[in-house]
Protein backbone atom coordinates (compact mmCIF):
# COMPACT_ATOMS: atom_id res chain seq x y z
CA UNK A 1 -14.87 7.56 17.48
CA UNK A 2 -15.25 11.54 17.36
CA UNK A 3 -13.87 12.37 13.72
CA UNK A 4 -11.79 15.61 13.69
CA UNK A 5 -10.56 15.52 9.82
CA UNK A 6 -11.85 16.84 6.57
CA UNK A 7 -11.72 16.07 3.24
CA UNK A 8 -10.08 18.33 0.48
CA UNK A 9 -10.44 18.18 -3.29
CA UNK A 10 -7.38 18.99 -5.03
CA UNK A 11 -9.23 19.41 -8.30
CA UNK A 12 -12.28 21.84 -7.47
CA UNK A 13 -10.91 23.06 -4.34
CA UNK A 14 -13.95 21.82 -1.98
CA UNK A 15 -13.63 20.98 1.56
CA UNK A 16 -15.73 18.31 2.96
CA UNK A 17 -16.31 16.94 6.52
CA UNK A 18 -15.22 13.49 6.94
CA UNK A 19 -18.17 12.55 9.42
CA UNK A 20 -20.07 10.92 6.23
CA UNK A 21 -19.66 8.14 3.74
CA UNK A 22 -17.96 9.78 1.06
CA UNK A 23 -15.47 8.28 -1.46
CA UNK A 24 -14.92 10.65 -4.06
CA UNK A 25 -15.48 14.31 -4.53
CA UNK A 26 -18.85 15.40 -6.61
CA UNK A 27 -16.48 17.00 -9.27
CA UNK A 28 -15.43 13.36 -9.60
CA UNK A 29 -11.84 13.45 -8.42
CA UNK A 30 -10.15 11.55 -5.75
CA UNK A 31 -10.26 13.31 -2.29
CA UNK A 32 -7.14 14.23 0.11
CA UNK A 33 -7.44 14.39 3.88
CA UNK A 34 -6.23 17.74 5.25
CA UNK A 35 -2.81 17.90 6.56
CA UNK A 36 -2.37 15.83 9.82
CA UNK A 37 -1.20 16.91 13.14
CA UNK A 38 1.85 14.80 13.00
CA UNK A 39 3.35 13.80 16.36
CA UNK A 40 6.45 13.95 18.50
CA UNK A 41 7.93 10.75 20.25
CA UNK A 42 6.43 11.51 23.34
CA UNK A 43 3.01 10.77 21.70
CA UNK A 44 3.87 7.54 21.27
CA UNK A 45 1.66 4.72 22.97
CA UNK A 46 4.59 2.63 23.70
CA UNK A 47 2.85 -0.09 25.40
CA UNK A 48 0.55 -0.92 21.81
CA UNK A 49 2.36 -3.41 19.81
CA UNK A 50 0.42 -1.87 16.62
CA UNK A 51 0.21 0.61 14.50
CA UNK A 52 -2.22 2.19 17.06
CA UNK A 53 0.39 3.38 19.12
CA UNK A 54 0.34 6.20 16.80
CA UNK A 55 -3.17 6.99 17.10
CA UNK A 56 -1.95 10.68 17.94
CA UNK A 57 -1.52 11.26 14.67
CA UNK A 58 -4.28 9.75 12.86
CA UNK A 59 -7.34 11.62 11.69
CA UNK A 60 -9.76 10.64 14.47
CA UNK A 61 -9.69 10.54 18.09
CA UNK A 62 -10.15 7.49 20.52
CA UNK A 63 -9.24 3.64 20.61
CA UNK A 64 -10.18 1.52 17.38
CA UNK A 65 -13.31 -0.54 17.50
CA UNK A 66 -11.65 -3.02 15.46
CA UNK A 67 -8.31 -4.10 15.20
CA UNK A 68 -6.16 -7.38 14.55
CA UNK A 69 -2.66 -6.06 15.82
CA UNK A 70 -2.01 -4.70 12.46
CA UNK A 71 1.42 -3.18 12.37
CA UNK A 72 4.71 -3.32 14.28
CA UNK A 73 6.12 -5.57 11.66
CA UNK A 74 9.74 -6.76 12.18
CA UNK A 75 12.88 -4.83 10.45
CA UNK A 76 15.12 -7.24 9.56
CA UNK A 77 19.10 -6.62 8.29
CA UNK A 78 20.50 -8.76 5.52
CA UNK A 79 23.08 -8.32 2.98
CA UNK A 80 22.00 -8.10 -0.58
CA UNK A 81 23.81 -7.54 -3.83
CA UNK A 82 26.86 -7.05 -1.69
CA UNK A 83 25.78 -4.00 0.26
CA UNK A 84 23.82 -3.98 3.88
CA UNK A 85 19.98 -3.81 3.56
CA UNK A 86 17.21 -3.57 5.86
CA UNK A 87 13.91 -5.61 5.01
CA UNK A 88 10.58 -4.39 6.35
CA UNK A 89 8.30 -7.72 6.73
CA UNK A 90 4.87 -6.04 6.03
CA UNK A 91 4.14 -9.72 4.95
CA UNK A 92 4.13 -10.50 8.82
CA UNK A 93 0.67 -8.64 8.74
CA UNK A 94 -2.71 -10.24 10.16
CA UNK A 95 -3.92 -10.98 6.78
CA UNK A 96 -0.34 -11.37 4.92
CA UNK A 97 0.09 -8.11 3.22
CA UNK A 98 0.72 -4.54 3.92
CA UNK A 99 -2.95 -4.09 2.94
CA UNK A 100 -3.92 -4.41 6.78
CA UNK A 101 -2.42 -0.96 7.51
CA UNK A 102 -4.83 0.92 5.34
CA UNK A 103 -7.60 -1.33 6.00
CA UNK A 104 -7.62 -1.36 9.47
CA UNK A 105 -7.81 2.53 9.60
CA UNK A 106 -10.10 2.98 6.98
CA UNK A 107 -12.73 0.55 8.29
CA UNK A 108 -12.67 1.95 11.60
CA UNK A 109 -13.55 5.33 9.84
CA UNK A 110 -16.32 3.63 8.00
CA UNK A 111 -17.81 2.18 11.14
CA UNK A 112 -17.63 5.38 12.80
CA UNK A 113 -19.67 7.31 10.12
CA UNK A 114 -22.33 4.19 10.06
CA UNK A 115 -21.72 2.46 6.93
CA UNK A 116 -23.54 -1.21 7.19
CA UNK A 117 -22.33 -2.72 3.82
CA UNK A 118 -19.16 -2.30 1.53
CA UNK A 119 -17.31 -3.66 -1.46
CA UNK A 120 -13.97 -3.12 -3.20
CA UNK A 121 -12.43 -4.16 -6.32
CA UNK A 122 -8.47 -5.68 -5.85
CA UNK A 123 -6.17 -7.56 -7.43
CA UNK A 124 -6.22 -10.17 -4.27
CA UNK A 125 -4.43 -8.67 -1.01
CA UNK A 126 -6.55 -5.74 -0.66
CA UNK A 127 -9.89 -7.68 -1.18
CA UNK A 128 -8.55 -10.21 1.49
CA UNK A 129 -7.64 -7.68 3.69
CA UNK A 130 -11.03 -5.84 3.80
CA UNK A 131 -12.94 -9.05 3.84
CA UNK A 132 -11.19 -10.47 6.67
CA UNK A 133 -11.69 -7.05 8.51
CA UNK A 134 -15.17 -6.50 7.68
CA UNK A 135 -15.48 -10.13 9.07
CA UNK A 136 -14.38 -8.86 12.18
CA UNK A 137 -16.76 -5.82 12.14
CA UNK A 138 -19.85 -7.93 11.19
CA UNK A 139 -20.09 -5.49 8.12
CA UNK A 140 -21.50 -7.21 4.72
CA UNK A 141 -18.64 -7.33 2.19
CA UNK A 142 -18.28 -7.52 -1.53
CA UNK A 143 -15.03 -8.17 -3.38
CA UNK A 144 -14.41 -7.84 -6.98
CA UNK A 145 -11.57 -9.54 -8.17
CA UNK A 146 -9.78 -10.65 -11.45
CA UNK A 147 -10.72 -14.05 -12.56
CA UNK A 148 -7.00 -14.99 -12.84
CA UNK A 149 -6.33 -13.74 -9.20
CA UNK A 150 -3.76 -16.11 -7.19
CA UNK A 151 -5.97 -18.78 -5.81
CA UNK A 152 -4.68 -18.02 -2.31
CA UNK A 153 -6.08 -14.91 -2.44
CA UNK A 154 -9.49 -15.83 -3.64
CA UNK A 155 -9.67 -18.71 -0.90
CA UNK A 156 -8.51 -15.83 1.90
CA UNK A 157 -11.45 -13.73 0.65
CA UNK A 158 -14.00 -16.28 0.71
CA UNK A 159 -13.00 -18.14 3.89
CA UNK A 160 -13.81 -14.52 5.66
CA UNK A 161 -17.27 -14.83 4.22
CA UNK A 162 -17.66 -11.97 1.78
CA UNK A 163 -19.34 -12.42 -1.36
CA UNK A 164 -16.88 -12.94 -4.49
CA UNK A 165 -17.18 -11.75 -7.98
CA UNK A 166 -14.69 -12.88 -10.29
CA UNK A 167 -14.43 -10.76 -13.24
CA UNK A 168 -13.06 -11.86 -16.86
CA UNK A 169 -11.32 -9.39 -18.66
CA UNK A 170 -8.34 -6.96 -17.28
CA UNK A 171 -7.90 -5.12 -13.90
CA UNK A 172 -9.56 -2.18 -15.12
CA UNK A 173 -12.56 -4.37 -16.05
CA UNK A 174 -12.96 -5.48 -12.44
CA UNK A 175 -12.61 -1.43 -11.27
CA UNK A 176 -15.10 -0.83 -13.51
CA UNK A 177 -17.53 -3.66 -12.00
CA UNK A 178 -17.00 -2.05 -8.68
CA UNK A 179 -17.84 1.27 -9.96
CA UNK A 180 -21.06 0.17 -11.42
CA UNK A 181 -21.93 -1.25 -7.97
CA UNK A 182 -21.14 2.18 -6.57
CA UNK A 183 -23.71 3.88 -8.65
CA UNK A 184 -26.26 1.28 -8.00
CA UNK A 185 -26.16 2.01 -4.52
CA UNK A 186 -26.68 -0.05 -1.41
CA UNK A 187 -23.05 -0.63 -0.55
CA UNK A 188 -20.32 1.90 -0.03
CA UNK A 189 -17.36 1.67 -2.09
CA UNK A 190 -14.57 1.02 0.50
CA UNK A 191 -11.85 1.32 -2.38
CA UNK A 192 -8.04 1.37 -1.33
CA UNK A 193 -7.11 3.30 -4.19
CA UNK A 194 -9.86 6.12 -3.69
CA UNK A 195 -10.59 6.09 0.18
CA UNK A 196 -7.83 8.66 2.02
CA UNK A 197 -8.09 7.21 5.12
CA UNK A 198 -6.71 4.41 3.58
CA UNK A 199 -3.53 6.23 3.02
CA UNK A 200 -3.87 7.57 6.52
CA UNK A 201 -2.98 3.89 7.64
CA UNK A 202 -0.09 3.45 5.35
CA UNK A 203 1.61 6.67 6.60
CA UNK A 204 2.06 4.43 10.07
CA UNK A 205 4.75 2.82 8.05
CA UNK A 206 7.02 6.18 7.94
CA UNK A 207 6.29 6.25 11.76
CA UNK A 208 7.18 2.88 12.43
CA UNK A 209 10.74 2.66 10.01
CA UNK A 210 11.23 6.53 11.92
CA UNK A 211 10.91 4.62 15.60
CA UNK A 212 12.62 1.32 14.70
CA UNK A 213 15.33 3.28 13.19
CA UNK A 214 16.06 5.04 16.59
CA UNK A 215 14.18 8.17 15.75
CA UNK A 216 15.80 8.65 12.42
CA UNK A 217 14.81 8.49 8.84
CA UNK A 218 16.54 6.25 6.53
CA UNK A 219 18.06 7.16 3.42
CA UNK A 220 16.10 5.25 0.70
CA UNK A 221 12.91 3.21 0.87
CA UNK A 222 12.13 0.54 -2.13
CA UNK A 223 8.26 -0.37 -2.56
CA UNK A 224 6.57 -2.65 -5.08
CA UNK A 225 4.13 -0.12 -6.24
CA UNK A 226 0.83 -0.36 -8.37
CA UNK A 227 -1.82 2.42 -7.28
CA UNK A 228 0.61 3.96 -4.80
CA UNK A 229 -0.81 3.98 -1.54
CA UNK A 230 2.30 2.85 0.22
CA UNK A 231 4.44 5.70 -1.63
CA UNK A 232 1.71 8.37 -0.81
CA UNK A 233 1.42 7.15 3.06
CA UNK A 234 5.32 7.45 3.58
CA UNK A 235 5.29 10.73 2.16
CA UNK A 236 2.51 12.12 4.06
CA UNK A 237 4.02 10.46 7.45
CA UNK A 238 7.78 11.49 6.77
CA UNK A 239 6.06 15.06 5.81
CA UNK A 240 4.02 15.31 9.38
CA UNK A 241 7.37 14.17 10.66
CA UNK A 242 9.42 16.90 9.25
CA UNK A 243 7.09 19.71 10.14
CA UNK A 244 7.02 18.87 13.86
CA UNK A 245 10.80 18.66 13.86
CA UNK A 246 11.57 15.06 14.59
CA UNK A 247 13.81 14.35 10.95
CA UNK A 248 15.68 16.93 9.03
CA UNK A 249 14.81 15.49 5.90
CA UNK A 250 12.71 13.09 3.79
CA UNK A 251 14.36 9.68 2.51
CA UNK A 252 14.23 8.75 -1.07
CA UNK A 253 11.44 6.87 -2.13
CA UNK A 254 11.49 4.55 -5.13
CA UNK A 255 8.59 2.84 -6.53
CA UNK A 256 9.07 -0.40 -7.89
CA UNK A 257 7.02 -1.62 -10.83
CA UNK A 258 7.09 -4.73 -13.20
CA UNK A 259 8.61 -3.91 -16.43
CA UNK A 260 5.74 -5.82 -18.31
CA UNK A 261 3.18 -3.46 -16.60
CA UNK A 262 4.50 -0.25 -15.60
CA UNK A 263 2.36 2.71 -16.04
CA UNK A 264 3.88 5.35 -13.40
CA UNK A 265 7.47 3.99 -14.96
CA UNK A 266 6.01 5.07 -18.28
CA UNK A 267 5.01 8.25 -17.01
CA UNK A 268 8.28 8.87 -15.02
CA UNK A 269 10.25 8.15 -18.25
CA UNK A 270 8.36 10.52 -20.30
CA UNK A 271 8.72 13.23 -17.78
CA UNK A 272 5.03 13.34 -17.46
CA UNK A 273 2.88 14.48 -14.36
CA UNK A 274 -0.11 12.05 -15.36
CA UNK A 275 -0.74 8.90 -17.27
CA UNK A 276 0.80 8.21 -20.65
CA UNK A 277 0.01 5.27 -23.36
CA UNK A 278 1.77 2.13 -22.69
CA UNK A 279 1.47 -1.59 -23.77
CA UNK A 280 0.94 -3.99 -20.55
CA UNK A 281 1.76 -7.61 -20.76
CA UNK A 282 1.52 -10.21 -18.17
CA UNK A 283 3.84 -10.18 -14.95
CA UNK A 284 4.86 -12.52 -12.04
CA UNK A 285 3.96 -9.33 -9.94
CA UNK A 286 0.24 -9.66 -10.11
CA UNK A 287 -0.40 -7.19 -7.00
CA UNK A 288 1.02 -4.23 -9.16
CA UNK A 289 -0.02 -4.98 -12.33
CA UNK A 290 -1.91 -1.57 -12.48
CA UNK A 291 -3.26 -0.21 -15.88
CA UNK A 292 -4.85 2.90 -14.74
CA UNK A 293 -3.52 4.33 -11.35
CA UNK A 294 -6.31 6.52 -9.72
CA UNK A 295 -3.44 8.84 -8.27
CA UNK A 296 -0.85 8.76 -10.59
CA UNK A 297 0.06 12.57 -10.33
CA UNK A 298 0.08 12.53 -6.51
CA UNK A 299 2.54 9.60 -6.56
CA UNK A 300 4.83 11.06 -9.21
CA UNK A 301 4.79 14.32 -7.03
CA UNK A 302 5.47 12.52 -3.91
CA UNK A 303 8.66 10.64 -5.54
CA UNK A 304 10.08 13.95 -7.16
CA UNK A 305 9.77 15.90 -3.90
CA UNK A 306 11.81 12.78 -2.35
CA UNK A 307 14.48 12.79 -4.89
CA UNK A 308 13.78 9.07 -5.59
CA UNK A 309 12.00 7.68 -8.62
CA UNK A 310 10.55 4.79 -10.33
CA UNK A 311 12.40 1.33 -11.07
CA UNK A 312 11.04 -1.20 -13.29
CA UNK A 313 12.31 -4.56 -13.10
CA UNK A 314 12.28 -7.28 -15.77
CA UNK A 315 10.48 -10.93 -15.28
CA UNK A 316 13.36 -12.79 -14.74
CA UNK A 317 14.81 -10.47 -12.12
CA UNK A 318 11.80 -11.07 -9.93
CA UNK A 319 11.94 -14.93 -10.22
CA UNK A 320 15.85 -14.49 -9.27
CA UNK A 321 14.78 -12.23 -6.51
CA UNK A 322 12.26 -14.37 -4.97
CA UNK A 323 14.48 -17.46 -5.19
CA UNK A 324 17.24 -15.44 -3.20
CA UNK A 325 14.96 -14.26 -0.90
CA UNK A 326 13.93 -17.48 0.05
CA UNK A 327 17.50 -18.51 0.51
CA UNK A 328 17.99 -15.58 3.30
CA UNK A 329 14.83 -16.88 5.21
CA UNK A 330 12.49 -14.40 3.50
CA UNK A 331 9.48 -15.90 2.04
CA UNK A 332 7.31 -13.33 -0.01
CA UNK A 333 5.32 -13.59 -3.10
CA UNK A 334 6.50 -12.64 -6.38
CA UNK A 335 4.81 -8.74 -6.05
CA UNK A 336 7.06 -8.10 -3.03
CA UNK A 337 10.22 -9.61 -4.56
CA UNK A 338 10.06 -6.96 -7.17
CA UNK A 339 11.94 -4.80 -4.21
CA UNK A 340 14.53 -7.00 -3.70
CA UNK A 341 15.14 -7.11 -7.92
CA UNK A 342 14.65 -2.99 -7.49
CA UNK A 343 17.40 -2.95 -5.02
CA UNK A 344 20.00 -5.18 -6.82
CA UNK A 345 19.39 -2.94 -9.72
CA UNK A 346 20.23 0.34 -7.90
CA UNK A 347 23.17 -1.05 -6.10
CA UNK A 348 24.43 -2.10 -9.33
CA UNK A 349 23.98 1.30 -11.01
CA UNK A 350 25.49 3.04 -7.88
CA UNK A 351 22.14 4.77 -6.95
CA UNK A 352 22.50 3.70 -3.48
CA UNK A 353 25.73 4.08 -1.22
CA UNK A 354 26.79 1.45 1.16
CA UNK A 355 26.97 3.71 4.14
CA UNK A 356 23.50 4.91 3.48
CA UNK A 357 20.29 3.18 5.47
CA UNK A 358 18.31 1.39 2.56
CA UNK A 359 14.77 -0.29 3.41
CA UNK A 360 13.06 -2.71 0.68
CA UNK A 361 9.75 -3.15 2.10
CA UNK A 362 8.19 -6.86 1.39
CA UNK A 363 4.76 -6.17 1.11
CA UNK A 364 3.09 -9.89 0.63
CA UNK A 365 3.55 -13.11 1.96
CA UNK A 366 4.71 -16.28 0.10
CA UNK A 367 1.71 -18.15 1.01
CA UNK A 368 -0.68 -15.65 -1.04
CA UNK A 369 1.04 -17.41 -4.21
CA UNK A 370 2.31 -20.87 -3.61
CA UNK A 371 0.85 -22.06 -7.10
CA UNK A 372 3.06 -19.63 -9.01
CA UNK A 373 6.04 -20.18 -6.72
CA UNK A 374 5.82 -23.42 -7.00
CA UNK A 375 6.05 -23.39 -10.97
CA UNK A 376 9.36 -21.20 -10.81
CA UNK A 377 10.96 -23.73 -8.28
CA UNK A 378 9.50 -26.49 -10.78
CA UNK A 379 7.92 -28.58 -8.28
């Protein structure tokens, strides 16, 4: 698989060939991929029912070495809060979460540059995704997770044969353990929060929505957001379509956070361009309970470019949305239900118009968190 991309450092301006294992710049900053070529509708591999139908727009040439059929997830219509809405079922991915988009592209890059062992920190879904794809590729894999992570996600990681390290403390403590492992060497830090090839994978969500909507951009996209890889991927994908003349405007992007743990919302409300102090608390939405996002400035900039914003939803609204989604045939984990809770809030506030096309992204399957859901349903 021949690499054609290069990394750019937004902090020091360094340009680094993407033909070697790199997860951050020597200056300590996260890296970004140079702008991609994009594609036009004639470039789509129509017979490929996965994200690889958009391979012409991805940052490497040739078919993937490893694929589990990720992407091309359903887009279903429902009425929600008295308004029409579309729900993008990323919960139907091979490992049950949207993380498979980024993992598939990132792992194929990692294989291409000769990595033989990887590790990652995760609240659960990214770890389950990476462990599964590593197993398919025959790569040694270690996953660091919070000791409080949902049991379903821990079981999924262990079933894939990954070495599982449950860390006591906060989500940031888990990250610090993974960073310490990176400093020791012997394993490549395949972090979905640092590695730009993960964002290269999530950008295919933009292409997929564009194609499923008859080669048109939606007006609004609502996304549960912790570190922001889906927001950054959507921003990148729609920017490429805009440059190629396939769309005339960007959709508004709304990042959804649990009000109890909302780092991005705190920065947004303060009008800041980077992290601001806030007091995190426990939340049902463990998948987006992020205290210190790696790319806060980039996520906020993407939201501002789109004309969207950040929506913080309280715990009671998350629980209500979870139950209501189940009643219309959509079984998701609490993290994913935050998108529906935000949709209710935005409709009530008049921020969305009935004639607009609005997509709520459901990021993870309900089977990921059956213990929590059972408690909410008093089972």
